[in-house]
Amino acid sequence: MIATRDESMPRSFRDPSGFVVDYRGRILRAVNSNGVPDLEAFLLTPTARNAMEAGKLVRSVRIPPGEVSEAVLRHEYVLEHERIPFPAYPYEWPPEMLRAAGNLTLELAINALEDGFGLKDATPYNVLFRGPEPVFVDVLSFERRQPCASVWMAYAQFVRTILLPLLVNGRSGLPLDRILLGHRDGLEPEAVYQWAGFWRRLTRPFLSLVTLPTLFGRGLGEGVSGTWGDASRYHPKPAGSEEQARYVLKGILKKCARQLAAVAPDVSRRESRWSGYMDHKSLYTATQFKEKEDFVAEALEIAKPRNLLDVGANEGHFSFIAAGQGASVVAIDSDPHVVGKIWRHASRRGLDVLPLVVDLTHPTPAMGWRNQECASFLHRSRGGFDMVMMLAVIHHMLVTERVPLEDLLALISELTREYALIEFVGPEDPMFQRIVRGREDLYEHLTKAAFEAAAASHFELVKSTQINGLHRWLYLFRRLHATG
């Protein structure tokens, strides 16, 4: 969202046909008169109706003129969209989710083509995720196309914001947040060309996505009429017939689908420090792990959270338990490899789990114009969950990032409306000793008693247990003055 001169009514600004506001918890889209004809016609198409019914296009209903009194919304045409439970942005997604957003974009573009509409925008910011499922949310991106137009004008944007970030991520390992946080509009082929090196430039898919566009682009500014050096390149000649134009456009979109498949993450080779942790890197015996599972299940039964934040989710084992007991889960971890695995698993099983690449010690900042287009992760999260779950993670935050215990507990209290489920790992624990690297004396104060005393400032204890044979304790807390 973007703030206007009326700071009390944040709104978007990038589409000349209208804007979106979050009005008292309702997501409203005011549409300018120039955008109404195309919008109304599109919403009546089979593409729009079928996509809404399938949950792939945001559900939208027109509200009566004058229902909203604020001046900024005094438009004749206002839609109300369904509210996506937790908005998350492309720089918080693992590569698998960016690919899913690209696939949805192409699917809708191909379907709309049959209804006489084109997709004028192809940015991943048009997509949010409802659990693991992508939802296209910008209904104003569809416009009537000229019958003989045979060029997809959003192709370059699709390449910059989806294909090239996936290509660079897959070939270099550079995380998407490092790419997209600094490049909202994606990567230019010329920049990737400089990085790629001579031999890689000649391989697929670099050749078609990077090398040829860069070499052709060097002709810009030469002033040769009708070539790359002239503005006429942006006004291509129409096709000979509507049928020919539709055939060419469909070919372009199918080519994009092949390119997207070519830059898809190779999950068979995606390993990291934390992948496979539950299988062969964990310190728990089978009996000890069962104790932990049982405690978590009992805590979920007591709390019955409608929505839950799982911090340090790893591969999502406990997120899936929570989702199986009816919670809508946002699962965060700093490792994109394990987050991608969560997404694949949740998507296959239809579990209400939204996995995000977020490090709570370095949470996503506010982004965009005046830092108000995309809210920070903490702004979106504060008071947004019935339960915050932090299992086998806070000792990493206390030691590796040196976050003060009081500050960490205060943040947990801000994020949850009611319950917190926390695993405390004492200094005697082998994993704790591994991460302190011989500096145990610096953390001798982080005892069980100190933890419980600090937690008492924010929470009342509901139940707790020690995992047999380990210096690890599980706690279910209820927030003081809980709002649940």
Protein backbone atom coordinates (compact mmCIF):
# COMPACT_ATOMS: atom_id res chain seq x y z
CA MET A 1 0.00 0.00 0.00
CA ILE A 2 1.06 3.60 -0.61
CA ALA A 3 0.20 6.61 1.51
CA THR A 4 -1.52 9.52 -0.23
CA ARG A 5 -1.71 13.04 1.12
CA ASP A 6 -4.36 11.66 3.44
CA GLU A 7 -1.99 9.65 5.67
CA SER A 8 -4.93 7.90 7.32
CA MET A 9 -5.89 6.16 4.07
CA PRO A 10 -2.94 4.22 2.54
CA ARG A 11 -3.43 3.27 -1.09
CA SER A 12 -1.60 1.80 -4.07
CA PHE A 13 -0.59 4.04 -6.95
CA ARG A 14 1.08 2.12 -9.78
CA ASP A 15 -2.01 1.38 -11.91
CA PRO A 16 -3.56 4.42 -13.67
CA SER A 17 -6.90 2.62 -13.83
CA GLY A 18 -7.43 2.50 -10.08
CA PHE A 19 -6.01 1.85 -6.65
CA VAL A 20 -6.38 -0.47 -3.65
CA VAL A 21 -6.93 0.54 -0.04
CA ASP A 22 -7.13 -1.37 3.21
CA TYR A 23 -10.25 0.23 4.67
CA ARG A 24 -11.10 -0.87 8.22
CA GLY A 25 -9.96 -4.39 7.46
CA ARG A 26 -11.69 -4.51 4.06
CA ILE A 27 -9.68 -4.67 0.83
CA LEU A 28 -11.31 -2.22 -1.58
CA ARG A 29 -10.36 -1.31 -5.12
CA ALA A 30 -11.54 2.03 -6.50
CA VAL A 31 -11.67 1.97 -10.30
CA ASN A 32 -11.31 5.08 -12.44
CA SER A 33 -13.85 5.59 -15.22
CA ASN A 34 -11.31 4.66 -17.91
CA GLY A 35 -10.78 1.25 -16.32
CA VAL A 36 -14.42 0.26 -15.74
CA PRO A 37 -15.41 -1.04 -19.22
CA ASP A 38 -12.53 -3.51 -19.51
CA LEU A 39 -12.90 -4.61 -15.90
CA GLU A 40 -16.62 -5.26 -16.10
CA ALA A 41 -16.22 -7.15 -19.36
CA PHE A 42 -13.35 -9.24 -18.03
CA LEU A 43 -15.19 -10.24 -14.85
CA LEU A 44 -17.95 -11.71 -17.05
CA THR A 45 -15.56 -13.92 -19.04
CA PRO A 46 -15.22 -17.68 -18.48
CA THR A 47 -11.57 -17.07 -17.56
CA ALA A 48 -12.48 -14.81 -14.65
CA ARG A 49 -15.44 -16.87 -13.45
CA ASN A 50 -13.56 -20.18 -13.57
CA ALA A 51 -10.43 -18.74 -11.96
CA MET A 52 -12.40 -17.19 -9.09
CA GLU A 53 -14.28 -20.41 -8.54
CA ALA A 54 -10.97 -22.31 -8.42
CA GLY A 55 -9.44 -19.78 -6.03
CA LYS A 56 -6.81 -18.71 -8.57
CA LEU A 57 -8.18 -15.17 -9.04
CA VAL A 58 -9.07 -13.01 -6.08
CA ARG A 59 -12.82 -13.07 -5.40
CA SER A 60 -14.28 -9.64 -6.10
CA VAL A 61 -17.70 -8.09 -5.56
CA ARG A 62 -18.86 -4.59 -6.45
CA ILE A 63 -20.14 -2.56 -3.52
CA PRO A 64 -22.82 0.11 -3.85
CA PRO A 65 -21.70 3.68 -4.61
CA GLY A 66 -21.54 5.75 -1.44
CA GLU A 67 -21.18 2.80 0.93
CA VAL A 68 -17.76 4.18 1.87
CA SER A 69 -17.83 7.82 2.87
CA GLU A 70 -14.11 8.70 2.83
CA ALA A 71 -13.26 11.14 0.06
CA VAL A 72 -10.47 8.99 -1.34
CA LEU A 73 -13.03 6.25 -2.10
CA ARG A 74 -15.79 8.39 -3.60
CA HIS A 75 -15.73 6.51 -6.89
CA GLU A 76 -18.72 5.28 -8.81
CA TYR A 77 -17.12 1.85 -9.12
CA VAL A 78 -15.61 0.15 -6.06
CA LEU A 79 -14.83 -3.55 -5.70
CA GLU A 80 -14.33 -5.44 -2.48
CA HIS A 81 -11.76 -8.24 -2.70
CA GLU A 82 -11.48 -11.23 -0.42
CA ARG A 83 -8.77 -10.64 2.16
CA ILE A 84 -5.78 -12.95 1.71
CA PRO A 85 -4.92 -13.99 5.30
CA PHE A 86 -1.22 -13.07 5.26
CA PRO A 87 0.20 -11.03 2.37
CA ALA A 88 3.76 -12.05 1.50
CA TYR A 89 6.02 -10.63 -1.18
CA PRO A 90 8.30 -12.23 -3.80
CA TYR A 91 11.48 -11.52 -1.85
CA GLU A 92 10.08 -13.69 0.97
CA TRP A 93 9.35 -16.67 -1.27
CA PRO A 94 11.52 -19.69 -2.01
CA PRO A 95 12.18 -20.26 -5.73
CA GLU A 96 9.40 -22.86 -5.91
CA MET A 97 6.82 -20.23 -5.05
CA LEU A 98 8.15 -17.71 -7.58
CA ARG A 99 7.85 -20.40 -10.23
CA ALA A 100 4.27 -21.15 -9.10
CA ALA A 101 3.42 -17.45 -9.42
CA GLY A 102 4.88 -17.47 -12.92
CA ASN A 103 2.88 -20.54 -13.91
CA LEU A 104 -0.34 -18.97 -12.67
CA THR A 105 0.40 -15.75 -14.55
CA LEU A 106 0.90 -17.64 -17.81
CA GLU A 107 -2.15 -19.85 -17.26
CA LEU A 108 -4.42 -16.83 -16.82
CA ALA A 109 -2.81 -15.02 -19.78
CA ILE A 110 -3.40 -18.00 -22.09
CA ASN A 111 -6.99 -18.46 -20.92
CA ALA A 112 -7.79 -14.75 -21.21
CA LEU A 113 -6.46 -14.76 -24.76
CA GLU A 114 -9.38 -16.98 -25.81
CA ASP A 115 -11.78 -14.43 -24.32
CA GLY A 116 -10.26 -11.50 -26.21
CA PHE A 117 -8.25 -10.13 -23.29
CA GLY A 118 -4.56 -9.57 -22.74
CA LEU A 119 -2.48 -9.37 -19.59
CA LYS A 120 -0.72 -6.03 -19.44
CA ASP A 121 1.32 -6.75 -16.28
CA ALA A 122 3.41 -9.81 -15.50
CA THR A 123 5.00 -8.94 -12.18
CA PRO A 124 5.00 -11.41 -9.27
CA TYR A 125 3.65 -8.58 -7.10
CA ASN A 126 0.29 -9.37 -8.74
CA VAL A 127 0.28 -12.68 -6.86
CA LEU A 128 -0.29 -13.48 -3.19
CA PHE A 129 -0.46 -16.92 -1.59
CA ARG A 130 -3.42 -18.37 0.28
CA GLY A 131 -1.56 -21.04 2.21
CA PRO A 132 0.61 -22.75 -0.45
CA GLU A 133 -1.70 -21.76 -3.35
CA PRO A 134 -0.99 -18.71 -5.54
CA VAL A 135 -3.82 -16.20 -6.07
CA PHE A 136 -3.72 -13.53 -8.78
CA VAL A 137 -4.98 -10.36 -7.11
CA ASP A 138 -4.81 -7.59 -9.72
CA VAL A 139 -8.03 -7.78 -11.73
CA LEU A 140 -7.14 -4.50 -13.49
CA SER A 141 -4.18 -6.19 -15.20
CA PHE A 142 -6.54 -7.62 -17.83
CA GLU A 143 -7.48 -5.41 -20.77
CA ARG A 144 -9.23 -5.88 -24.10
CA ARG A 145 -6.56 -6.53 -26.67
CA GLN A 146 -6.50 -5.22 -30.19
CA PRO A 147 -7.65 -8.13 -32.37
CA CYS A 148 -4.55 -8.14 -34.57
CA ALA A 149 -2.00 -7.33 -31.86
CA SER A 150 0.59 -10.12 -31.83
CA VAL A 151 3.08 -8.95 -29.19
CA TRP A 152 2.80 -9.61 -25.46
CA MET A 153 3.91 -6.26 -24.07
CA ALA A 154 4.45 -7.72 -20.60
CA TYR A 155 7.01 -10.26 -21.83
CA ALA A 156 10.05 -8.19 -20.85
CA GLN A 157 8.62 -7.68 -17.38
CA PHE A 158 8.01 -11.43 -17.04
CA VAL A 159 11.63 -12.06 -17.98
CA ARG A 160 13.04 -9.43 -15.60
CA THR A 161 10.95 -10.24 -12.55
CA ILE A 162 10.47 -14.01 -12.80
CA LEU A 163 12.69 -15.78 -15.33
CA LEU A 164 16.01 -14.01 -14.71
CA PRO A 165 15.78 -14.07 -10.89
CA LEU A 166 15.10 -17.81 -11.06
CA LEU A 167 17.94 -18.29 -13.54
CA VAL A 168 20.46 -16.41 -11.38
CA ASN A 169 19.26 -18.10 -8.21
CA GLY A 170 19.50 -21.56 -9.73
CA ARG A 171 22.89 -21.12 -11.38
CA SER A 172 24.66 -19.04 -8.71
CA GLY A 173 22.82 -19.92 -5.52
CA LEU A 174 22.20 -16.23 -4.82
CA PRO A 175 19.02 -16.14 -2.67
CA LEU A 176 15.96 -14.46 -4.12
CA ASP A 177 15.80 -11.94 -1.29
CA ARG A 178 19.28 -10.72 -2.24
CA ILE A 179 18.06 -10.29 -5.81
CA LEU A 180 14.57 -8.88 -5.37
CA LEU A 181 14.95 -6.68 -2.29
CA GLY A 182 17.35 -4.47 -4.22
CA HIS A 183 15.67 -4.83 -7.63
CA ARG A 184 11.92 -4.44 -7.37
CA ASP A 185 11.58 -4.43 -11.15
CA GLY A 186 13.81 -7.45 -11.54
CA LEU A 187 17.09 -7.98 -13.38
CA GLU A 188 18.10 -6.59 -16.76
CA PRO A 189 19.61 -9.08 -19.24
CA GLU A 190 22.67 -6.82 -19.57
CA ALA A 191 23.45 -7.13 -15.87
CA VAL A 192 23.15 -10.92 -15.95
CA TYR A 193 25.28 -10.99 -19.14
CA GLN A 194 28.15 -9.28 -17.31
CA TRP A 195 27.99 -11.82 -14.51
CA ALA A 196 27.53 -14.95 -16.61
CA GLY A 197 30.97 -15.30 -18.20
CA PHE A 198 31.81 -16.21 -21.81
CA TRP A 199 30.94 -19.90 -21.95
CA ARG A 200 27.77 -19.69 -19.87
CA ARG A 201 26.45 -16.98 -22.19
CA LEU A 202 26.36 -19.53 -24.99
CA THR A 203 24.39 -22.15 -23.08
CA ARG A 204 20.67 -22.51 -22.67
CA PRO A 205 18.68 -20.77 -21.30
CA PHE A 206 21.25 -17.95 -21.02
CA LEU A 207 21.47 -17.65 -24.80
CA SER A 208 17.80 -16.74 -25.33
CA LEU A 209 17.14 -14.89 -22.07
CA VAL A 210 20.41 -13.03 -21.61
CA THR A 211 22.87 -13.10 -24.49
CA LEU A 212 20.70 -12.37 -27.52
CA PRO A 213 18.67 -9.59 -25.80
CA THR A 214 21.94 -7.99 -24.66
CA LEU A 215 23.57 -8.14 -28.10
CA PHE A 216 20.46 -6.79 -29.82
CA GLY A 217 20.14 -4.11 -27.17
CA ARG A 218 23.56 -2.71 -28.02
CA GLY A 219 22.03 -1.36 -31.20
CA LEU A 220 19.87 1.05 -29.18
CA GLY A 221 20.47 4.68 -29.95
CA GLU A 222 21.91 4.12 -33.42
CA GLY A 223 18.85 5.74 -34.96
CA VAL A 224 18.23 3.17 -37.67
CA SER A 225 14.57 3.45 -38.60
CA GLY A 226 12.51 0.39 -37.81
CA THR A 227 15.30 -1.33 -35.88
CA TRP A 228 16.22 -1.66 -32.23
CA GLY A 229 17.55 1.91 -32.25
CA ASP A 230 14.15 3.46 -32.82
CA ALA A 231 10.92 3.87 -30.87
CA SER A 232 9.07 1.97 -33.61
CA ARG A 233 10.22 -1.25 -31.92
CA TYR A 234 7.58 -0.52 -29.25
CA HIS A 235 4.82 -0.22 -31.85
CA PRO A 236 5.08 -3.44 -33.86
CA LYS A 237 3.05 -3.95 -36.98
CA PRO A 238 -0.24 -5.78 -36.45
CA ALA A 239 -0.68 -9.32 -37.68
CA GLY A 240 -2.57 -10.00 -40.88
CA SER A 241 -5.61 -11.38 -39.09
CA GLU A 242 -7.07 -11.89 -35.64
CA GLU A 243 -6.53 -15.64 -35.93
CA GLN A 244 -2.88 -15.16 -36.86
CA ALA A 245 -2.34 -12.74 -33.97
CA ARG A 246 -3.90 -15.15 -31.47
CA TYR A 247 -1.71 -17.98 -32.80
CA VAL A 248 1.45 -15.90 -32.43
CA LEU A 249 0.55 -14.73 -28.92
CA LYS A 250 -0.27 -18.23 -27.79
CA GLY A 251 3.12 -19.32 -29.12
CA ILE A 252 4.86 -16.58 -27.12
CA LEU A 253 3.10 -17.59 -23.91
CA LYS A 254 3.88 -21.27 -24.44
CA LYS A 255 7.51 -20.35 -25.06
CA CYS A 256 7.46 -18.51 -21.72
CA ALA A 257 6.16 -21.67 -20.08
CA ARG A 258 9.07 -23.65 -21.54
CA GLN A 259 11.53 -21.00 -20.38
CA LEU A 260 10.00 -21.08 -16.92
CA ALA A 261 10.43 -24.86 -16.81
CA ALA A 262 14.07 -24.45 -17.88
CA VAL A 263 14.88 -22.17 -14.93
CA ALA A 264 12.87 -24.13 -12.36
CA PRO A 265 14.76 -25.04 -9.17
CA ASP A 266 16.37 -28.47 -9.31
CA VAL A 267 14.94 -29.93 -6.12
CA SER A 268 16.97 -33.14 -6.48
CA ARG A 269 20.18 -31.15 -5.91
CA ARG A 270 18.91 -28.67 -3.35
CA GLU A 271 20.71 -29.37 -0.08
CA SER A 272 21.74 -27.07 2.73
CA ARG A 273 23.02 -27.12 6.27
CA TRP A 274 19.50 -27.56 7.64
CA SER A 275 17.93 -29.82 5.04
CA GLY A 276 17.42 -33.36 6.27
CA TYR A 277 17.73 -32.22 9.88
CA MET A 278 14.71 -34.21 11.01
CA ASP A 279 15.99 -37.35 9.30
CA HIS A 280 19.60 -37.65 10.38
CA LYS A 281 20.95 -34.48 12.03
CA SER A 282 18.65 -34.19 15.04
CA LEU A 283 19.89 -34.91 18.57
CA TYR A 284 16.60 -36.54 19.59
CA THR A 285 16.09 -40.25 19.90
CA ALA A 286 12.83 -41.61 18.53
CA THR A 287 11.40 -41.76 22.07
CA GLN A 288 12.46 -38.20 22.88
CA PHE A 289 11.04 -36.89 19.62
CA LYS A 290 7.75 -38.62 20.35
CA GLU A 291 7.64 -36.83 23.73
CA LYS A 292 8.06 -33.53 21.90
CA GLU A 293 5.36 -34.36 19.36
CA ASP A 294 2.93 -35.36 22.11
CA PHE A 295 3.51 -32.11 24.03
CA VAL A 296 3.00 -30.02 20.92
CA ALA A 297 -0.21 -31.89 20.07
CA GLU A 298 -1.54 -31.38 23.61
CA ALA A 299 -0.64 -27.68 23.54
CA LEU A 300 -2.45 -27.24 20.23
CA GLU A 301 -5.49 -29.01 21.65
CA ILE A 302 -5.52 -26.63 24.63
CA ALA A 303 -4.94 -23.45 22.62
CA LYS A 304 -6.92 -24.35 19.48
CA PRO A 305 -5.21 -21.58 17.46
CA ARG A 306 -6.97 -20.42 14.34
CA ASN A 307 -3.71 -19.03 13.02
CA LEU A 308 -0.18 -19.78 14.09
CA LEU A 309 3.32 -18.47 13.39
CA ASP A 310 6.00 -21.19 13.36
CA VAL A 311 9.41 -19.53 13.78
CA GLY A 312 12.38 -21.60 12.68
CA ALA A 313 10.09 -24.14 11.04
CA ASN A 314 12.91 -26.12 9.37
CA GLU A 315 11.18 -28.63 7.06
CA GLY A 316 7.76 -27.96 8.57
CA HIS A 317 7.10 -31.09 10.66
CA PHE A 318 5.37 -29.21 13.47
CA SER A 319 3.74 -26.75 11.07
CA PHE A 320 2.01 -29.71 9.45
CA ILE A 321 0.87 -31.02 12.83
CA ALA A 322 -0.65 -27.61 13.59
CA ALA A 323 -2.31 -27.41 10.17
CA GLY A 324 -3.66 -30.92 10.68
CA GLN A 325 -5.35 -29.71 13.87
CA GLY A 326 -7.07 -26.85 12.06
CA ALA A 327 -4.62 -23.94 12.28
CA SER A 328 -3.75 -21.65 9.39
CA VAL A 329 0.05 -21.59 9.62
CA VAL A 330 2.71 -19.11 8.53
CA ALA A 331 5.99 -21.04 8.71
CA ILE A 332 9.21 -19.04 8.53
CA ASP A 333 12.84 -20.08 8.27
CA SER A 334 15.96 -18.33 7.03
CA ASP A 335 16.95 -21.29 4.82
CA PRO A 336 15.25 -21.15 1.38
CA HIS A 337 15.98 -24.83 0.75
CA VAL A 338 13.93 -26.09 3.69
CA VAL A 339 11.22 -23.47 3.06
CA GLY A 340 10.92 -24.74 -0.51
CA LYS A 341 10.50 -28.25 0.84
CA ILE A 342 7.70 -27.05 3.14
CA TRP A 343 5.93 -25.48 0.17
CA ARG A 344 6.18 -28.62 -1.96
CA HIS A 345 4.87 -30.79 0.87
CA ALA A 346 2.03 -28.42 1.82
CA SER A 347 1.03 -28.00 -1.81
CA ARG A 348 0.89 -31.76 -2.44
CA ARG A 349 -1.13 -32.43 0.71
CA GLY A 350 -3.37 -29.37 0.51
CA LEU A 351 -2.29 -28.14 3.95
CA ASP A 352 -2.95 -24.55 5.03
CA VAL A 353 0.71 -23.65 5.48
CA LEU A 354 2.31 -20.52 4.02
CA PRO A 355 6.11 -20.98 4.05
CA LEU A 356 8.32 -17.88 3.89
CA VAL A 357 12.04 -17.20 3.82
CA VAL A 358 12.24 -14.87 6.81
CA ASP A 359 14.85 -14.60 9.56
CA LEU A 360 13.14 -13.18 12.64
CA THR A 361 16.45 -11.71 13.82
CA HIS A 362 16.63 -9.77 10.52
CA PRO A 363 12.95 -9.50 9.52
CA THR A 364 11.93 -8.17 6.14
CA PRO A 365 11.87 -4.36 6.18
CA ALA A 366 9.19 -2.10 4.77
CA MET A 367 9.77 -1.58 1.06
CA GLY A 368 8.83 0.68 -1.83
CA TRP A 369 8.03 4.34 -2.13
CA ARG A 370 8.35 6.00 1.28
CA ASN A 371 8.71 2.48 2.70
CA GLN A 372 4.94 2.11 2.47
CA GLU A 373 4.22 -0.03 -0.59
CA CYS A 374 5.05 -3.32 1.12
CA ALA A 375 4.75 -3.44 4.90
CA SER A 376 7.51 -4.96 6.99
CA PHE A 377 7.15 -8.53 8.20
CA LEU A 378 6.76 -7.35 11.79
CA HIS A 379 4.07 -4.83 10.86
CA ARG A 380 2.09 -7.59 9.13
CA SER A 381 2.63 -9.97 12.04
CA ARG A 382 2.12 -8.00 15.26
CA GLY A 383 -0.95 -9.28 17.07
CA GLY A 384 -1.80 -11.39 14.06
CA PHE A 385 -1.53 -14.88 15.52
CA ASP A 386 -3.30 -16.85 18.21
CA MET A 387 -0.09 -18.74 18.85
CA VAL A 388 3.62 -18.30 18.19
CA MET A 389 5.59 -21.54 18.11
CA MET A 390 9.38 -21.49 18.57
CA LEU A 391 10.82 -25.00 18.84
CA ALA A 392 14.59 -25.54 19.11
CA VAL A 393 15.29 -22.06 17.76
CA ILE A 394 15.62 -19.43 20.48
CA HIS A 395 19.10 -20.62 21.58
CA HIS A 396 20.31 -19.86 18.03
CA MET A 397 18.87 -16.36 18.28
CA LEU A 398 20.31 -15.79 21.75
CA VAL A 399 23.79 -17.05 20.89
CA THR A 400 24.40 -16.64 17.16
CA GLU A 401 22.65 -13.27 16.86
CA ARG A 402 23.11 -12.22 20.52
CA VAL A 403 19.51 -11.09 20.85
CA PRO A 404 18.80 -10.25 24.51
CA LEU A 405 16.41 -12.73 26.11
CA GLU A 406 14.12 -9.97 27.41
CA ASP A 407 13.87 -8.43 23.96
CA LEU A 408 13.08 -11.77 22.36
CA LEU A 409 10.29 -12.54 24.81
CA ALA A 410 8.88 -9.04 24.38
CA LEU A 411 8.73 -9.58 20.61
CA ILE A 412 6.98 -12.93 21.03
CA SER A 413 4.44 -11.17 23.24
CA GLU A 414 3.87 -8.58 20.50
CA LEU A 415 3.34 -11.21 17.81
CA THR A 416 0.84 -13.42 19.63
CA ARG A 417 -2.61 -12.51 20.78
CA GLU A 418 -2.75 -15.38 23.23
CA TYR A 419 -0.39 -18.37 23.34
CA ALA A 420 3.33 -19.06 22.93
CA LEU A 421 4.81 -22.54 22.60
CA ILE A 422 8.56 -22.37 23.27
CA GLU A 423 11.36 -24.89 23.56
CA PHE A 424 14.14 -23.72 25.86
CA VAL A 425 17.58 -25.29 25.34
CA GLY A 426 19.95 -25.01 28.29
CA PRO A 427 23.69 -24.24 28.10
CA GLU A 428 24.51 -27.87 28.92
CA ASP A 429 22.84 -29.08 25.71
CA PRO A 430 25.27 -30.46 23.06
CA MET A 431 23.80 -28.25 20.32
CA PHE A 432 24.06 -25.19 22.56
CA GLN A 433 27.70 -26.01 23.29
CA ARG A 434 28.36 -26.54 19.59
CA ILE A 435 27.13 -23.10 18.64
CA VAL A 436 28.88 -21.22 21.49
CA ARG A 437 32.22 -22.61 20.26
CA GLY A 438 34.06 -22.69 23.54
CA ARG A 439 32.64 -19.43 24.91
CA GLU A 440 30.31 -21.06 27.43
CA ASP A 441 31.21 -18.46 30.05
CA LEU A 442 29.40 -15.77 28.05
CA TYR A 443 26.11 -17.64 28.29
CA GLU A 444 26.17 -19.18 31.76
CA HIS A 445 23.36 -16.80 32.76
CA LEU A 446 20.94 -18.35 30.24
CA THR A 447 19.63 -20.91 32.68
CA LYS A 448 16.20 -22.48 32.91
CA ALA A 449 15.46 -20.38 36.01
CA ALA A 450 16.50 -17.17 34.23
CA PHE A 451 14.33 -18.04 31.24
CA GLU A 452 11.28 -18.73 33.40
CA ALA A 453 11.77 -15.51 35.35
CA ALA A 454 12.04 -13.46 32.15
CA ALA A 455 9.01 -15.16 30.62
CA ALA A 456 6.92 -14.37 33.69
CA SER A 457 7.03 -10.67 32.74
CA HIS A 458 4.95 -11.41 29.66
CA PHE A 459 3.25 -14.78 30.11
CA GLU A 460 1.58 -17.07 32.57
CA LEU A 461 2.63 -20.70 32.46
CA VAL A 462 -0.01 -23.17 31.27
CA LYS A 463 2.10 -26.33 31.24
CA SER A 464 5.69 -27.46 30.78
CA THR A 465 7.82 -30.58 30.63
CA GLN A 466 11.45 -31.60 30.28
CA ILE A 467 12.37 -33.95 27.48
CA ASN A 468 13.79 -37.00 29.18
CA GLY A 469 17.58 -37.22 28.97
CA LEU A 470 18.01 -33.76 27.44
CA HIS A 471 18.60 -30.27 28.77
CA ARG A 472 15.54 -29.14 26.86
CA TRP A 473 12.20 -27.96 28.23
CA LEU A 474 8.89 -27.34 26.47
CA TYR A 475 6.58 -24.57 27.65
CA LEU A 476 3.06 -23.55 26.78
CA PHE A 477 2.52 -19.96 27.89
CA ARG A 478 -0.55 -17.73 27.80
CA ARG A 479 0.06 -14.08 27.24
CA LEU A 480 -0.69 -11.75 30.12
CA HIS A 481 -3.78 -9.69 29.21
CA ALA A 482 -4.37 -11.98 26.23
CA THR A 483 -6.83 -10.67 23.68
CA GLY A 484 -8.00 -14.09 22.51
